[in-house]
Amino acid sequence: MPSSAGFTRRQVMTTSAALAVTALSIPTAAQAAARSTGSAASASALDVVANMQPGWNLGNSFEAIGADETAWGNPRVTQAFFRRLKAQGFKSIRIPVTWGQHEGPAPTYTLDPAFLARIKQVVDWALAEGFYVLINMHGDAWQWVPNMPTQHDAVLAQYTATWQQIAATFRDASRRLLFESINEPFFTGSSGDQQNAVLMNELNTTFHSVVRATGGGNADRLLVMPTLGDTPDQPKIDTLLATFSALDDPNLVASVHYYSFWPFSVNLAGYTTFNATTQQDLTDTFDLLHRSFVAKGIPVVVGEYGLLGWDSGPGTVEQGETLKYLEYLGYYARYRGLTTMLWDNGSRFNRRTMQWNDPSLYAQIRSSWTGRSGTASTDQLFVPKGKTPTDATITLNLNGTRLIRIDVGTRPLIRGMDYTVSGNTLTIAAATLSRLTASQEHGTNAVLSLRFTDGVPWAINVITYDKPVLTSATGTTTSLVIPTAFNGDKLATMEAVYADGTAAGPQSWTTYQQFNVAFIPDYTAGTITLPTAFFDGVTDNTTVTLTFHFWSGAILTYTLARSGTAVTGTSA
């Protein structure tokens, strides 16, 4: 699941010869081909992981903490669900599992037979439907495994006993079943990077020896091992590479997670769009994974991907920017030979209706598995209410495609009259915009469907709007609710500064605060709420200036005065 640990890029140094980067002896592709016994097995691992693309996560079910798999709001898993999911085009399923709460005490840590049987039943169903299946140790990674620095022997004993039982249960399962050692591991109370690297190596090598010792299908089963925190940065990758080199096993798979450039992923620090910086972060990360693993014959599973902002609330990352990110991620993962597994906690593919909650998001993801789609610089075209429109220009991201037509509903617009295209610039005629916004109702009046020679259409919402209006209000540091007439517009981000220009709010390193965390718009209720999370970062007896940035380009200021727990908001 998405981690809030916030692992940063830092250098991992170790004194262990097995972990020293200088001691690495990972073969090149040519060297691997010359090793007759390792070559076939290594190629087989690459082939298996390639065949797993695309993948999906059964999140918030068997890793849930509570009475059973329904504790976090999802229904019980059925074989019919897997059959329906298979029809969506997925070829592999990652099933996160939390084991510790279903275990008895030391020294045996005996797993509850009923729970183990249920996991086996679900795995068998998924295998029967033709999926590749990956099971792991999930919530344990933040429950008891982090205690390894201070409770080393006890943690390692439980970890060993748990994997011995899992491996024995699935000893004779199809090779389409993979094991993953641990999810997003981290260690509490360690002495730093060096000890973290040593402990990470110890977990992965223990996992390897325990599973291989059970024999049967586990003798060459593909084993998935993460970097520290499943973080894709060079020092952590080097530690995992050293582990792989020491194990010298061709049936190993590297695992990382990717939730995009963090400020974009949660809409923070003004990163409201899938801009060049955000795209470069993805490109650099996937290039690093290819160079470090795939080019050396080691397959990579991006075991989770998505956006962290999906769990914050609706609209955290604007829809069109989300779609551009997913389109590019799918394309570049294919280019770099990475297998990706969508993180879904139940909010993407509805497990009750067995329908996608956002069909356009799914359509973009599915299209990216095989090709590219044309997109545009925006999916929102704002037209001021009561004013004569002017021609509107939009930059097309053709991605190797060509625009062939634009539809409004079932009616095509006329090229040369309603719109023109010059290179990658699309111009919508003023008269066309006037016709499309004739109702003058606030909000989306029409949707342009841009059809390209490949991929899915790109939707542009033609929106009639007036400048939003904020109203003065009083409240407390628990909650200040600002009445807001959005007038068809939507909020992009919010800045908060003290009188001296320094940042106010929980994110003191940036004036731009986090969407749906420090401020929460509600377009139906007509409000913007500043919750406790915002005021926890605001000094008492101060004045704060808020600047609200809207997608139309409108900018509104608002003044807050805090005295104790009382807050007064004044519209500029």
Protein backbone atom coordinates (compact mmCIF):
# COMPACT_ATOMS: atom_id res chain seq x y z
CA MET A 1 0.00 0.00 0.00
CA PRO A 2 1.17 3.61 -0.42
CA SER A 3 3.70 4.36 2.27
CA SER A 4 3.72 7.55 4.33
CA ALA A 5 7.21 6.85 5.58
CA GLY A 6 8.58 9.37 3.07
CA PHE A 7 11.85 7.63 2.30
CA THR A 8 14.33 10.12 0.87
CA ARG A 9 17.18 9.51 -1.51
CA ARG A 10 20.22 8.91 0.64
CA GLN A 11 23.44 7.01 0.34
CA VAL A 12 23.59 3.47 1.76
CA MET A 13 27.09 2.52 2.86
CA THR A 14 27.96 -0.90 4.24
CA THR A 15 31.08 -2.57 5.50
CA SER A 16 29.82 -6.01 4.60
CA ALA A 17 31.72 -7.46 1.66
CA ALA A 18 28.52 -9.11 0.50
CA LEU A 19 26.84 -5.74 0.37
CA ALA A 20 29.67 -3.56 -0.89
CA VAL A 21 28.83 -2.00 -4.22
CA THR A 22 32.41 -2.48 -5.35
CA ALA A 23 32.04 -6.24 -4.86
CA LEU A 24 29.12 -6.53 -7.27
CA SER A 25 29.50 -9.13 -9.96
CA ILE A 26 26.20 -8.91 -11.84
CA PRO A 27 26.72 -10.36 -15.34
CA THR A 28 25.95 -8.38 -18.44
CA ALA A 29 23.35 -9.72 -20.87
CA ALA A 30 26.15 -11.16 -23.02
CA GLN A 31 27.85 -12.76 -20.03
CA ALA A 32 24.56 -14.20 -18.86
CA ALA A 33 23.99 -15.77 -22.26
CA ALA A 34 27.35 -17.53 -21.97
CA ARG A 35 26.31 -19.22 -18.72
CA SER A 36 24.41 -22.20 -20.03
CA THR A 37 22.71 -23.25 -16.81
CA GLY A 38 21.89 -19.77 -15.61
CA SER A 39 20.96 -18.45 -19.03
CA ALA A 40 17.84 -20.51 -19.58
CA ALA A 41 16.58 -19.98 -16.06
CA SER A 42 17.25 -16.25 -16.19
CA ALA A 43 15.51 -15.92 -19.54
CA SER A 44 12.61 -17.89 -18.12
CA ALA A 45 12.32 -15.45 -15.22
CA LEU A 46 12.29 -12.53 -17.63
CA ASP A 47 9.68 -14.29 -19.76
CA VAL A 48 7.45 -15.06 -16.78
CA VAL A 49 7.52 -11.50 -15.49
CA ALA A 50 6.92 -10.13 -19.00
CA ASN A 51 3.88 -12.40 -19.27
CA MET A 52 2.56 -10.93 -16.01
CA GLN A 53 2.05 -7.52 -17.62
CA PRO A 54 -0.35 -5.92 -16.80
CA GLY A 55 -0.98 -6.55 -13.11
CA TRP A 56 -3.46 -5.46 -10.45
CA ASN A 57 -3.51 -5.37 -6.62
CA LEU A 58 -6.23 -6.90 -4.46
CA GLY A 59 -5.67 -4.13 -1.91
CA ASN A 60 -7.46 -3.61 1.41
CA SER A 61 -8.68 -7.19 1.65
CA PHE A 62 -6.32 -9.79 3.13
CA GLU A 63 -3.91 -7.25 4.54
CA ALA A 64 -6.81 -5.59 6.42
CA ILE A 65 -6.48 -5.31 10.18
CA GLY A 66 -9.76 -6.43 11.73
CA ALA A 67 -12.15 -9.34 11.93
CA ASP A 68 -11.70 -10.57 8.37
CA GLU A 69 -11.10 -9.54 4.75
CA THR A 70 -14.12 -7.18 4.85
CA ALA A 71 -12.73 -5.06 7.71
CA TRP A 72 -11.61 -2.23 5.41
CA GLY A 73 -14.83 -2.02 3.44
CA ASN A 74 -14.40 -4.49 0.60
CA PRO A 75 -16.67 -7.53 0.10
CA ARG A 76 -15.51 -11.12 0.39
CA VAL A 77 -13.50 -12.26 -2.60
CA THR A 78 -15.21 -14.68 -4.98
CA GLN A 79 -14.06 -16.65 -7.97
CA ALA A 80 -16.66 -14.80 -10.05
CA PHE A 81 -14.84 -11.58 -9.21
CA PHE A 82 -11.58 -12.96 -10.59
CA ARG A 83 -13.37 -14.03 -13.74
CA ARG A 84 -14.71 -10.50 -14.19
CA LEU A 85 -11.32 -8.97 -13.46
CA LYS A 86 -9.71 -11.23 -16.05
CA ALA A 87 -12.07 -9.77 -18.65
CA GLN A 88 -10.57 -6.33 -17.92
CA GLY A 89 -7.30 -7.48 -19.48
CA PHE A 90 -5.16 -8.05 -16.40
CA LYS A 91 -2.79 -11.00 -16.42
CA SER A 92 -1.47 -11.00 -12.87
CA ILE A 93 -2.78 -10.29 -9.38
CA ARG A 94 -0.79 -9.23 -6.35
CA ILE A 95 -2.55 -10.35 -3.18
CA PRO A 96 -1.24 -8.42 -0.15
CA VAL A 97 -1.55 -10.48 3.04
CA THR A 98 -0.97 -9.57 6.70
CA TRP A 99 -0.09 -12.72 8.62
CA GLY A 100 0.89 -11.67 12.15
CA GLN A 101 -2.62 -11.18 13.49
CA HIS A 102 -3.46 -14.73 12.42
CA GLU A 103 -0.51 -16.34 14.20
CA GLY A 104 -0.13 -17.98 17.56
CA PRO A 105 2.61 -17.16 20.06
CA ALA A 106 6.31 -17.95 19.95
CA PRO A 107 8.13 -20.14 19.35
CA THR A 108 5.98 -21.80 16.65
CA TYR A 109 3.94 -18.79 15.49
CA THR A 110 1.38 -21.24 14.15
CA LEU A 111 -0.83 -19.74 11.45
CA ASP A 112 -4.59 -20.05 11.88
CA PRO A 113 -5.49 -23.04 9.67
CA ALA A 114 -8.78 -21.43 8.59
CA PHE A 115 -7.04 -18.23 7.47
CA LEU A 116 -4.32 -20.15 5.66
CA ALA A 117 -6.96 -22.30 3.94
CA ARG A 118 -8.83 -19.16 2.87
CA ILE A 119 -5.70 -17.66 1.32
CA LYS A 120 -5.05 -20.94 -0.49
CA GLN A 121 -8.63 -21.02 -1.77
CA VAL A 122 -8.35 -17.49 -3.18
CA VAL A 123 -4.95 -18.18 -4.73
CA ASP A 124 -6.29 -21.36 -6.32
CA TRP A 125 -9.26 -19.46 -7.76
CA ALA A 126 -6.98 -16.83 -9.29
CA LEU A 127 -4.67 -19.48 -10.75
CA ALA A 128 -7.67 -21.36 -12.14
CA GLU A 129 -8.74 -18.19 -13.98
CA GLY A 130 -5.35 -18.05 -15.66
CA PHE A 131 -3.73 -15.32 -13.60
CA TYR A 132 -0.16 -15.16 -12.41
CA VAL A 133 -0.43 -14.60 -8.66
CA LEU A 134 1.94 -12.89 -6.23
CA ILE A 135 1.44 -13.23 -2.47
CA ASN A 136 3.49 -11.37 0.10
CA MET A 137 4.02 -10.36 3.71
CA HIS A 138 2.32 -6.96 3.83
CA GLY A 139 1.00 -5.22 6.96
CA ASP A 140 3.56 -7.08 9.06
CA ALA A 141 6.08 -4.67 7.50
CA TRP A 142 4.71 -1.85 9.64
CA GLN A 143 3.50 -3.89 12.63
CA TRP A 144 6.32 -6.05 13.98
CA VAL A 145 9.06 -6.32 11.35
CA PRO A 146 10.25 -2.70 11.96
CA ASN A 147 11.35 -3.80 15.47
CA MET A 148 14.21 -5.82 13.98
CA PRO A 149 16.97 -3.39 15.11
CA THR A 150 15.99 -3.75 18.77
CA GLN A 151 14.35 -7.21 18.73
CA HIS A 152 16.46 -8.87 16.08
CA ASP A 153 16.20 -12.53 17.08
CA ALA A 154 12.48 -12.42 17.88
CA VAL A 155 11.59 -10.70 14.60
CA LEU A 156 13.76 -13.02 12.54
CA ALA A 157 12.28 -16.07 14.30
CA GLN A 158 8.71 -14.96 13.52
CA TYR A 159 9.63 -14.00 9.97
CA THR A 160 11.26 -17.40 9.41
CA ALA A 161 8.40 -19.38 10.95
CA THR A 162 5.82 -17.45 8.93
CA TRP A 163 7.53 -18.04 5.59
CA GLN A 164 8.18 -21.70 6.42
CA GLN A 165 4.42 -22.23 6.80
CA ILE A 166 3.50 -20.21 3.71
CA ALA A 167 6.09 -21.99 1.59
CA ALA A 168 5.02 -25.43 2.83
CA THR A 169 1.37 -24.68 2.06
CA PHE A 170 2.11 -23.67 -1.53
CA ARG A 171 5.02 -26.05 -2.12
CA ASP A 172 3.30 -27.80 -5.03
CA ALA A 173 1.48 -24.80 -6.53
CA SER A 174 1.93 -23.79 -10.15
CA ARG A 175 5.01 -21.76 -11.02
CA ARG A 176 2.57 -19.00 -11.92
CA LEU A 177 2.51 -18.33 -8.18
CA LEU A 178 5.26 -15.98 -6.95
CA PHE A 179 6.29 -15.09 -3.40
CA GLU A 180 7.31 -11.58 -2.30
CA SER A 181 9.47 -11.34 0.81
CA ILE A 182 8.08 -8.17 2.37
CA ASN A 183 6.18 -4.98 1.45
CA GLU A 184 7.79 -1.54 1.79
CA PRO A 185 10.12 -2.59 4.64
CA PHE A 186 11.61 -0.08 7.07
CA PHE A 187 13.31 -0.33 10.43
CA THR A 188 12.61 1.62 13.62
CA GLY A 189 15.51 2.54 15.86
CA SER A 190 18.28 1.49 13.49
CA SER A 191 21.63 3.24 13.58
CA GLY A 192 21.17 4.47 10.02
CA ASP A 193 21.71 3.57 6.41
CA GLN A 194 24.41 0.96 7.00
CA GLN A 195 22.34 -1.07 9.47
CA ASN A 196 19.23 -0.69 7.31
CA ALA A 197 21.12 -2.20 4.37
CA VAL A 198 22.41 -5.11 6.47
CA LEU A 199 18.94 -5.87 7.87
CA MET A 200 17.33 -5.58 4.44
CA ASN A 201 19.83 -8.07 3.07
CA GLU A 202 19.19 -10.40 6.01
CA LEU A 203 15.43 -10.40 5.48
CA ASN A 204 15.73 -11.15 1.77
CA THR A 205 18.37 -13.85 2.15
CA THR A 206 16.44 -15.51 5.00
CA PHE A 207 13.32 -15.51 2.86
CA HIS A 208 15.29 -17.08 0.01
CA SER A 209 16.83 -19.85 2.09
CA VAL A 210 13.57 -20.68 3.87
CA VAL A 211 11.54 -20.98 0.65
CA ARG A 212 14.17 -22.90 -1.29
CA ALA A 213 14.61 -25.37 1.60
CA THR A 214 10.99 -26.54 1.28
CA GLY A 215 11.73 -28.02 -2.16
CA GLY A 216 9.09 -29.08 -4.65
CA GLY A 217 7.87 -26.19 -6.77
CA ASN A 218 9.64 -23.81 -4.41
CA ALA A 219 13.03 -25.02 -5.64
CA ASP A 220 12.81 -22.69 -8.64
CA ARG A 221 9.77 -20.56 -7.86
CA LEU A 222 10.23 -16.91 -8.74
CA LEU A 223 10.99 -14.95 -5.60
CA VAL A 224 10.33 -11.22 -5.50
CA MET A 225 12.53 -9.04 -3.31
CA PRO A 226 12.14 -5.30 -2.67
CA THR A 227 14.54 -2.50 -2.04
CA LEU A 228 14.32 -0.80 1.34
CA GLY A 229 10.87 0.80 1.38
CA ASP A 230 10.32 -0.46 -2.18
CA THR A 231 12.04 2.81 -3.04
CA PRO A 232 13.62 3.12 -6.49
CA ASP A 233 16.81 5.04 -5.74
CA GLN A 234 20.39 4.08 -6.52
CA PRO A 235 21.78 3.27 -3.03
CA LYS A 236 18.86 1.00 -2.18
CA ILE A 237 19.04 -0.61 -5.61
CA ASP A 238 22.76 -1.24 -5.09
CA THR A 239 22.01 -3.04 -1.83
CA LEU A 240 19.49 -5.31 -3.56
CA LEU A 241 21.87 -5.94 -6.45
CA ALA A 242 24.53 -7.05 -3.98
CA THR A 243 22.04 -9.47 -2.41
CA PHE A 244 21.16 -10.88 -5.83
CA SER A 245 24.83 -11.24 -6.71
CA ALA A 246 25.58 -13.15 -3.51
CA LEU A 247 22.57 -15.47 -3.92
CA ASP A 248 23.46 -16.21 -7.57
CA ASP A 249 19.93 -17.46 -8.27
CA PRO A 250 18.43 -16.84 -11.75
CA ASN A 251 14.86 -16.97 -10.43
CA LEU A 252 14.86 -13.69 -8.54
CA VAL A 253 12.76 -10.62 -9.30
CA ALA A 254 13.34 -7.04 -8.13
CA SER A 255 10.44 -5.05 -6.72
CA VAL A 256 9.87 -1.31 -6.31
CA HIS A 257 6.79 0.90 -6.05
CA TYR A 258 6.12 4.10 -7.97
CA TYR A 259 3.56 6.78 -7.09
CA SER A 260 5.04 9.57 -9.23
CA PHE A 261 6.92 12.68 -8.21
CA TRP A 262 5.63 13.22 -4.67
CA PRO A 263 4.47 16.89 -4.90
CA PHE A 264 2.46 16.06 -8.04
CA SER A 265 1.15 12.81 -6.55
CA VAL A 266 -0.51 14.66 -3.64
CA ASN A 267 -0.91 18.13 -5.27
CA LEU A 268 1.56 20.02 -3.11
CA ALA A 269 4.07 22.83 -3.64
CA GLY A 270 2.25 24.07 -6.74
CA TYR A 271 2.70 20.89 -8.79
CA THR A 272 -0.82 20.83 -10.20
CA THR A 273 0.10 19.51 -13.64
CA PHE A 274 1.99 16.61 -15.19
CA ASN A 275 4.75 19.00 -16.17
CA ALA A 276 8.30 18.47 -17.41
CA THR A 277 9.69 17.95 -13.90
CA THR A 278 7.09 15.33 -13.05
CA GLN A 279 7.59 13.52 -16.35
CA GLN A 280 11.37 13.58 -15.90
CA ASP A 281 11.05 11.97 -12.48
CA LEU A 282 9.19 9.04 -14.07
CA THR A 283 11.64 8.81 -16.97
CA ASP A 284 14.69 8.90 -14.70
CA THR A 285 13.23 6.29 -12.35
CA PHE A 286 12.29 3.82 -15.07
CA ASP A 287 15.63 4.37 -16.83
CA LEU A 288 17.38 3.56 -13.55
CA LEU A 289 15.38 0.36 -13.11
CA HIS A 290 16.11 -0.75 -16.65
CA ARG A 291 19.82 0.03 -16.38
CA SER A 292 20.23 -1.56 -12.95
CA PHE A 293 18.14 -4.70 -13.43
CA VAL A 294 16.53 -5.43 -16.80
CA ALA A 295 19.67 -4.78 -18.83
CA LYS A 296 21.44 -7.30 -16.58
CA GLY A 297 18.81 -9.99 -17.07
CA ILE A 298 16.92 -9.34 -13.82
CA PRO A 299 13.16 -8.79 -14.20
CA VAL A 300 11.42 -5.95 -12.39
CA VAL A 301 7.92 -5.77 -10.98
CA VAL A 302 6.60 -2.31 -10.14
CA GLY A 303 4.45 -3.94 -7.48
CA GLU A 304 2.33 -0.84 -6.88
CA TYR A 305 1.69 2.29 -8.93
CA GLY A 306 -0.91 5.03 -8.91
CA LEU A 307 -1.16 8.42 -7.22
CA LEU A 308 -1.03 8.96 -3.46
CA GLY A 309 -3.62 11.72 -3.83
CA TRP A 310 -6.27 9.18 -4.84
CA ASP A 311 -6.74 8.36 -1.16
CA SER A 312 -6.93 12.01 -0.04
CA GLY A 313 -10.25 12.75 -1.69
CA PRO A 314 -11.82 13.54 -5.06
CA GLY A 315 -10.09 15.96 -7.37
CA THR A 316 -6.75 16.02 -5.54
CA VAL A 317 -4.98 15.56 -8.87
CA GLU A 318 -6.96 17.06 -11.73
CA GLN A 319 -8.49 14.48 -14.07
CA GLY A 320 -6.69 15.39 -17.28
CA GLU A 321 -3.33 15.58 -15.50
CA THR A 322 -3.99 12.16 -14.00
CA LEU A 323 -4.74 10.70 -17.42
CA LYS A 324 -1.57 12.17 -18.93
CA TYR A 325 0.47 10.64 -16.13
CA LEU A 326 -1.10 7.20 -16.61
CA GLU A 327 -0.71 7.35 -20.39
CA TYR A 328 2.98 8.15 -20.10
CA LEU A 329 3.62 5.64 -17.31
CA GLY A 330 2.14 2.78 -19.33
CA TYR A 331 4.12 3.76 -22.41
CA TYR A 332 7.45 4.19 -20.65
CA ALA A 333 7.10 1.02 -18.58
CA ARG A 334 6.67 -0.91 -21.84
CA TYR A 335 9.67 0.85 -23.33
CA ARG A 336 11.81 -0.07 -20.32
CA GLY A 337 10.54 -3.64 -19.99
CA LEU A 338 8.88 -3.21 -16.59
CA THR A 339 5.82 -5.09 -15.36
CA THR A 340 3.38 -2.80 -13.56
CA MET A 341 0.68 -3.63 -11.00
CA LEU A 342 -2.02 -1.03 -10.36
CA TRP A 343 -2.68 -0.37 -6.67
CA ASP A 344 -6.42 -0.71 -6.08
CA ASN A 345 -7.88 -0.56 -2.58
CA GLY A 346 -11.40 -0.98 -3.96
CA SER A 347 -11.83 2.57 -5.24
CA ARG A 348 -10.76 1.87 -8.84
CA PHE A 349 -12.53 -1.36 -9.87
CA ASN A 350 -15.66 -1.63 -7.75
CA ARG A 351 -15.76 -5.09 -6.22
CA ARG A 352 -19.51 -4.98 -5.65
CA THR A 353 -20.72 -3.71 -9.00
CA MET A 354 -17.70 -5.16 -10.85
CA GLN A 355 -17.54 -1.93 -12.83
CA TRP A 356 -14.90 0.79 -12.98
CA ASN A 357 -15.72 3.79 -10.84
CA ASP A 358 -13.96 5.95 -13.44
CA PRO A 359 -14.24 4.33 -16.89
CA SER A 360 -12.10 7.01 -18.55
CA LEU A 361 -9.23 6.27 -16.18
CA TYR A 362 -9.44 2.57 -16.96
CA ALA A 363 -9.67 3.23 -20.70
CA GLN A 364 -6.48 5.29 -20.55
CA ILE A 365 -4.65 2.65 -18.52
CA ARG A 366 -5.74 -0.19 -20.80
CA SER A 367 -4.79 1.71 -23.95
CA SER A 368 -1.31 2.36 -22.56
CA TRP A 369 -0.60 -1.37 -22.37
CA THR A 370 -0.30 -1.64 -26.14
CA GLY A 371 0.13 1.82 -27.63
CA ARG A 372 0.03 5.56 -27.12
CA SER A 373 -2.83 8.01 -26.98
CA GLY A 374 -2.94 11.63 -28.03
CA THR A 375 -3.56 14.07 -25.18
CA ALA A 376 -3.55 17.85 -24.81
CA SER A 377 -2.21 20.57 -22.57
CA THR A 378 -5.58 20.69 -20.81
CA ASP A 379 -8.95 19.00 -20.60
CA GLN A 380 -10.67 22.22 -19.48
CA LEU A 381 -11.58 25.16 -21.70
CA PHE A 382 -13.02 28.06 -19.70
CA VAL A 383 -15.37 30.57 -21.34
CA PRO A 384 -16.40 33.67 -19.29
CA LYS A 385 -20.15 33.95 -18.83
CA GLY A 386 -21.86 36.88 -20.52
CA LYS A 387 -18.85 37.78 -22.66
CA THR A 388 -18.21 37.17 -26.32
CA PRO A 389 -15.69 34.32 -26.55
CA THR A 390 -12.42 34.63 -28.39
CA ASP A 391 -10.60 31.90 -30.29
CA ALA A 392 -9.08 29.38 -27.89
CA THR A 393 -5.77 27.61 -28.53
CA ILE A 394 -4.74 24.30 -26.99
CA THR A 395 -1.43 22.49 -27.41
CA LEU A 396 -1.77 18.88 -28.53
CA ASN A 397 0.50 16.12 -27.24
CA LEU A 398 0.26 13.92 -30.32
CA ASN A 399 2.55 11.14 -29.01
CA GLY A 400 3.04 9.79 -32.50
CA THR A 401 -0.64 10.00 -33.44
CA ARG A 402 -2.61 12.40 -35.65
CA LEU A 403 -5.84 14.22 -34.84
CA ILE A 404 -8.51 12.99 -37.24
CA ARG A 405 -11.68 14.64 -35.95
CA ILE A 406 -13.46 16.31 -33.03
CA ASP A 407 -16.93 15.26 -31.92
CA VAL A 408 -19.48 16.91 -29.67
CA GLY A 409 -21.71 14.05 -28.69
CA THR A 410 -22.55 12.27 -31.93
CA ARG A 411 -21.96 15.35 -34.11
CA PRO A 412 -18.52 16.05 -35.63
CA LEU A 413 -17.19 19.58 -35.70
CA ILE A 414 -16.18 20.95 -39.10
CA ARG A 415 -12.46 21.28 -39.61
CA GLY A 416 -11.52 24.66 -41.05
CA MET A 417 -14.70 26.21 -39.70
CA ASP A 418 -15.22 25.07 -36.11
CA TYR A 419 -11.55 24.42 -35.50
CA THR A 420 -8.14 24.43 -37.17
CA VAL A 421 -4.94 22.48 -36.53
CA SER A 422 -1.46 23.79 -37.23
CA GLY A 423 1.30 21.42 -36.15
CA ASN A 424 0.48 20.63 -32.54
CA THR A 425 -1.71 23.70 -32.00
CA LEU A 426 -5.48 23.27 -31.96
CA THR A 427 -7.61 26.41 -32.28
CA ILE A 428 -11.32 26.35 -31.46
CA ALA A 429 -13.20 29.13 -33.21
CA ALA A 430 -14.89 31.82 -31.12
CA ALA A 431 -18.20 31.29 -32.93
CA THR A 432 -18.08 27.59 -32.09
CA LEU A 433 -17.45 28.32 -28.42
CA SER A 434 -20.32 30.80 -28.41
CA ARG A 435 -22.65 28.16 -29.83
CA LEU A 436 -21.46 25.48 -27.39
CA THR A 437 -21.98 27.76 -24.36
CA ALA A 438 -25.32 29.19 -25.48
CA SER A 439 -27.08 27.90 -22.36
CA GLN A 440 -24.76 30.08 -20.22
CA GLU A 441 -25.14 27.67 -17.33
CA HIS A 442 -22.22 27.53 -14.93
CA GLY A 443 -20.12 24.41 -15.41
CA THR A 444 -19.53 22.10 -18.34
CA ASN A 445 -21.75 23.05 -21.29
CA ALA A 446 -20.23 20.68 -23.83
CA VAL A 447 -17.52 18.03 -24.13
CA LEU A 448 -15.19 17.96 -27.11
CA SER A 449 -14.01 14.46 -27.94
CA LEU A 450 -10.68 14.61 -29.76
CA ARG A 451 -10.21 11.47 -31.88
CA PHE A 452 -6.70 10.46 -32.84
CA THR A 453 -5.37 7.78 -35.17
CA ASP A 454 -4.55 5.60 -32.15
CA GLY A 455 -5.45 5.26 -28.51
CA VAL A 456 -8.43 6.63 -26.64
CA PRO A 457 -10.16 9.97 -27.32
CA TRP A 458 -9.19 13.04 -25.31
CA ALA A 459 -12.07 14.88 -23.67
CA ILE A 460 -12.06 18.67 -23.31
CA ASN A 461 -14.76 20.16 -21.10
CA VAL A 462 -16.08 23.49 -22.39
CA ILE A 463 -16.94 25.34 -19.18
CA THR A 464 -18.95 28.50 -18.64
CA TYR A 465 -17.81 30.35 -15.52
CA ASP A 466 -17.84 33.56 -13.54
CA LYS A 467 -15.09 34.60 -11.19
CA PRO A 468 -15.55 32.69 -7.89
CA VAL A 469 -16.63 34.58 -4.78
CA LEU A 470 -15.41 33.92 -1.24
CA THR A 471 -17.44 35.04 1.79
CA SER A 472 -16.14 36.13 5.18
CA ALA A 473 -16.58 33.57 7.95
CA THR A 474 -15.77 32.73 11.55
CA GLY A 475 -14.73 29.42 12.98
CA THR A 476 -12.18 27.69 15.15
CA THR A 477 -8.88 25.94 14.71
CA THR A 478 -10.88 22.75 14.48
CA SER A 479 -12.53 23.92 11.28
CA LEU A 480 -13.13 27.10 9.33
CA VAL A 481 -15.74 26.72 6.59
CA ILE A 482 -15.52 29.40 3.89
CA PRO A 483 -18.74 29.82 1.89
CA THR A 484 -17.69 29.80 -1.76
CA ALA A 485 -19.60 30.49 -4.96
CA PHE A 486 -17.47 28.52 -7.41
CA ASN A 487 -19.58 29.70 -10.36
CA GLY A 488 -18.48 26.83 -12.58
CA ASP A 489 -14.79 27.16 -11.72
CA LYS A 490 -12.67 24.63 -9.81
CA LEU A 491 -9.87 25.05 -7.31
CA ALA A 492 -6.34 24.12 -8.38
CA THR A 493 -4.31 24.95 -5.26
CA MET A 494 -3.95 27.28 -2.27
CA GLU A 495 -1.07 29.31 -0.89
CA ALA A 496 -0.72 30.42 2.73
CA VAL A 497 1.77 33.03 4.02
CA TYR A 498 2.36 35.09 7.13
CA ALA A 499 2.74 38.87 6.96
CA ASP A 500 6.50 38.50 6.42
CA GLY A 501 5.95 36.25 3.40
CA THR A 502 7.05 32.99 5.05
CA ALA A 503 4.96 29.87 4.58
CA ALA A 504 2.09 29.16 6.96
CA GLY A 505 0.44 25.79 7.46
CA PRO A 506 1.65 22.22 7.95
CA GLN A 507 4.00 22.31 4.93
CA SER A 508 6.32 25.06 6.11
CA TRP A 509 8.84 24.49 3.29
CA THR A 510 6.39 25.66 0.62
CA THR A 511 3.72 28.33 0.49
CA TYR A 512 1.51 25.97 -1.57
CA GLN A 513 -0.43 23.68 0.74
CA GLN A 514 -1.61 20.10 0.17
CA PHE A 515 -4.94 19.61 -1.61
CA ASN A 516 -7.66 17.81 0.40
CA VAL A 517 -5.40 17.85 3.46
CA ALA A 518 -4.76 21.53 4.34
CA PHE A 519 -7.83 22.71 2.41
CA ILE A 520 -10.87 20.83 1.13
CA PRO A 521 -13.21 22.18 -1.55
CA ASP A 522 -16.78 20.91 -1.78
CA TYR A 523 -18.36 22.01 -5.06
CA THR A 524 -21.80 20.64 -4.21
CA ALA A 525 -22.00 22.33 -0.80
CA GLY A 526 -20.27 25.48 -2.04
CA THR A 527 -17.54 25.56 0.60
CA ILE A 528 -13.80 25.44 1.16
CA THR A 529 -12.92 23.95 4.54
CA LEU A 530 -9.69 24.59 6.42
CA PRO A 531 -9.42 21.64 8.84
CA THR A 532 -7.41 21.02 11.98
CA ALA A 533 -4.54 19.73 9.84
CA PHE A 534 -4.07 23.25 8.45
CA PHE A 535 -4.32 25.14 11.74
CA ASP A 536 -1.90 22.76 13.45
CA GLY A 537 0.71 24.52 11.33
CA VAL A 538 -0.47 28.09 12.03
CA THR A 539 1.07 30.10 14.86
CA ASP A 540 -1.29 31.68 17.42
CA ASN A 541 -1.97 35.44 17.27
CA THR A 542 -0.98 35.74 13.64
CA THR A 543 -2.49 36.89 10.38
CA VAL A 544 -2.31 34.61 7.36
CA THR A 545 -3.00 35.54 3.76
CA LEU A 546 -4.50 32.78 1.65
CA THR A 547 -4.27 32.87 -2.12
CA PHE A 548 -6.65 30.56 -3.97
CA HIS A 549 -5.66 29.59 -7.51
CA PHE A 550 -8.47 28.36 -9.78
CA TRP A 551 -8.16 26.37 -12.99
CA SER A 552 -9.69 29.23 -15.04
CA GLY A 553 -6.74 31.41 -14.02
CA ALA A 554 -8.74 33.33 -11.43
CA ILE A 555 -6.79 34.23 -8.26
CA LEU A 556 -8.55 35.24 -5.03
CA THR A 557 -7.05 36.34 -1.70
CA TYR A 558 -8.49 35.78 1.76
CA THR A 559 -7.22 36.90 5.17
CA LEU A 560 -7.21 34.78 8.33
CA ALA A 561 -6.74 36.10 11.86
CA ARG A 562 -6.08 33.53 14.58
CA SER A 563 -6.42 34.27 18.29
CA GLY A 564 -6.27 31.20 20.48
CA THR A 565 -8.70 28.73 18.98
CA ALA A 566 -10.83 31.44 17.35
CA VAL A 567 -10.37 32.15 13.65
CA THR A 568 -11.83 34.96 11.56
CA GLY A 569 -11.73 34.87 7.77
CA THR A 570 -12.15 37.99 5.68
CA SER A 571 -12.64 38.14 1.93
CA ALA A 572 -10.44 40.62 0.12
